[in-house]
Amino acid sequence: MDNQNLVDMANRIGDFFDSMPDREEALAGVAEHIRRFWEPRMRRALLATLDAPDTSGIAMSDFVRQALVSHRAQLTPAEPSTV
């Protein structure tokens, strides 16, 4: 999975919601959009990129970073079953 592409997509989502006047509603909007429309492996990869100490030039916007951190619990998919 291309982490740069995931971050670029998240940044574009963030650009849309960042124009909203209510900051908390905008942050929740980013997280809700990603939760509803991104499959679990995409969300896992995005959160792993957020946690990575060296993102090697991957530029996640501060707004998206804040949305991911503040809504991490709802964005974290359940672990896949090993049945």
Protein backbone atom coordinates (compact mmCIF):
# COMPACT_ATOMS: atom_id res chain seq x y z
CA MET A 1 0.00 0.00 0.00
CA ASP A 2 1.38 3.41 -0.96
CA ASN A 3 1.48 5.43 2.25
CA GLN A 4 2.18 8.67 0.40
CA ASN A 5 -1.02 8.18 -1.61
CA LEU A 6 -3.03 7.51 1.56
CA VAL A 7 -1.67 10.65 3.20
CA ASP A 8 -2.39 12.67 0.05
CA MET A 9 -5.99 11.42 0.03
CA ALA A 10 -6.37 12.17 3.76
CA ASN A 11 -4.94 15.67 3.19
CA ARG A 12 -7.49 16.32 0.42
CA ILE A 13 -10.28 15.22 2.76
CA GLY A 14 -8.80 17.51 5.40
CA ASP A 15 -8.70 20.42 2.95
CA PHE A 16 -12.44 20.04 2.41
CA PHE A 17 -13.37 19.88 6.09
CA ASP A 18 -10.85 22.53 7.22
CA SER A 19 -13.04 25.26 5.75
CA MET A 20 -15.85 24.50 8.21
CA PRO A 21 -16.31 27.18 10.89
CA ASP A 22 -16.68 24.70 13.79
CA ARG A 23 -13.22 23.18 14.33
CA GLU A 24 -14.41 20.17 16.36
CA GLU A 25 -17.10 19.37 13.82
CA ALA A 26 -14.51 19.61 11.04
CA LEU A 27 -12.09 17.26 12.82
CA ALA A 28 -14.91 14.80 13.45
CA GLY A 29 -15.91 15.08 9.79
CA VAL A 30 -12.45 14.03 8.61
CA ALA A 31 -12.44 11.05 10.95
CA GLU A 32 -15.99 10.02 10.08
CA HIS A 33 -15.30 10.20 6.35
CA ILE A 34 -12.21 8.03 6.68
CA ARG A 35 -14.01 5.58 8.97
CA ARG A 36 -16.99 5.20 6.64
CA PHE A 37 -15.29 5.11 3.26
CA TRP A 38 -11.84 3.63 3.82
CA GLU A 39 -11.41 -0.09 4.20
CA PRO A 40 -9.74 -1.33 7.42
CA ARG A 41 -6.33 -2.03 5.87
CA MET A 42 -6.20 1.54 4.53
CA ARG A 43 -7.01 2.93 7.98
CA ARG A 44 -4.39 0.67 9.59
CA ALA A 45 -1.76 1.86 7.12
CA LEU A 46 -2.66 5.52 7.66
CA LEU A 47 -2.48 5.15 11.44
CA ALA A 48 0.84 3.31 11.12
CA THR A 49 2.16 6.22 9.06
CA LEU A 50 0.98 8.58 11.78
CA ASP A 51 2.93 6.55 14.36
CA ALA A 52 6.09 6.11 12.27
CA PRO A 53 9.05 8.08 13.66
CA ASP A 54 10.48 8.73 10.17
CA THR A 55 7.94 9.34 7.45
CA SER A 56 10.65 10.14 4.85
CA GLY A 57 9.06 13.13 3.19
CA ILE A 58 5.42 12.14 3.68
CA ALA A 59 3.72 15.41 4.56
CA MET A 60 0.55 14.88 6.58
CA SER A 61 -1.21 18.16 7.30
CA ASP A 62 -1.43 19.26 10.93
CA PHE A 63 -5.22 19.36 10.61
CA VAL A 64 -5.42 15.73 9.46
CA ARG A 65 -2.89 14.69 12.11
CA GLN A 66 -5.05 16.33 14.78
CA ALA A 67 -8.20 14.62 13.45
CA LEU A 68 -6.50 11.20 13.47
CA VAL A 69 -5.09 11.63 16.97
CA SER A 70 -8.30 12.94 18.50
CA HIS A 71 -10.51 10.29 16.85
CA ARG A 72 -8.10 7.37 16.82
CA ALA A 73 -10.38 5.02 18.75
CA GLN A 74 -13.16 5.24 16.16
CA LEU A 75 -10.67 4.92 13.29
CA THR A 76 -8.87 1.84 14.59
CA PRO A 77 -10.40 -1.22 12.94
CA ALA A 78 -10.95 -4.41 14.88
CA GLU A 79 -8.17 -6.92 14.49
CA PRO A 80 -8.90 -9.40 11.71
CA SER A 81 -10.00 -12.78 12.97
CA THR A 82 -7.62 -15.67 12.49
CA VAL A 83 -10.28 -18.34 12.09
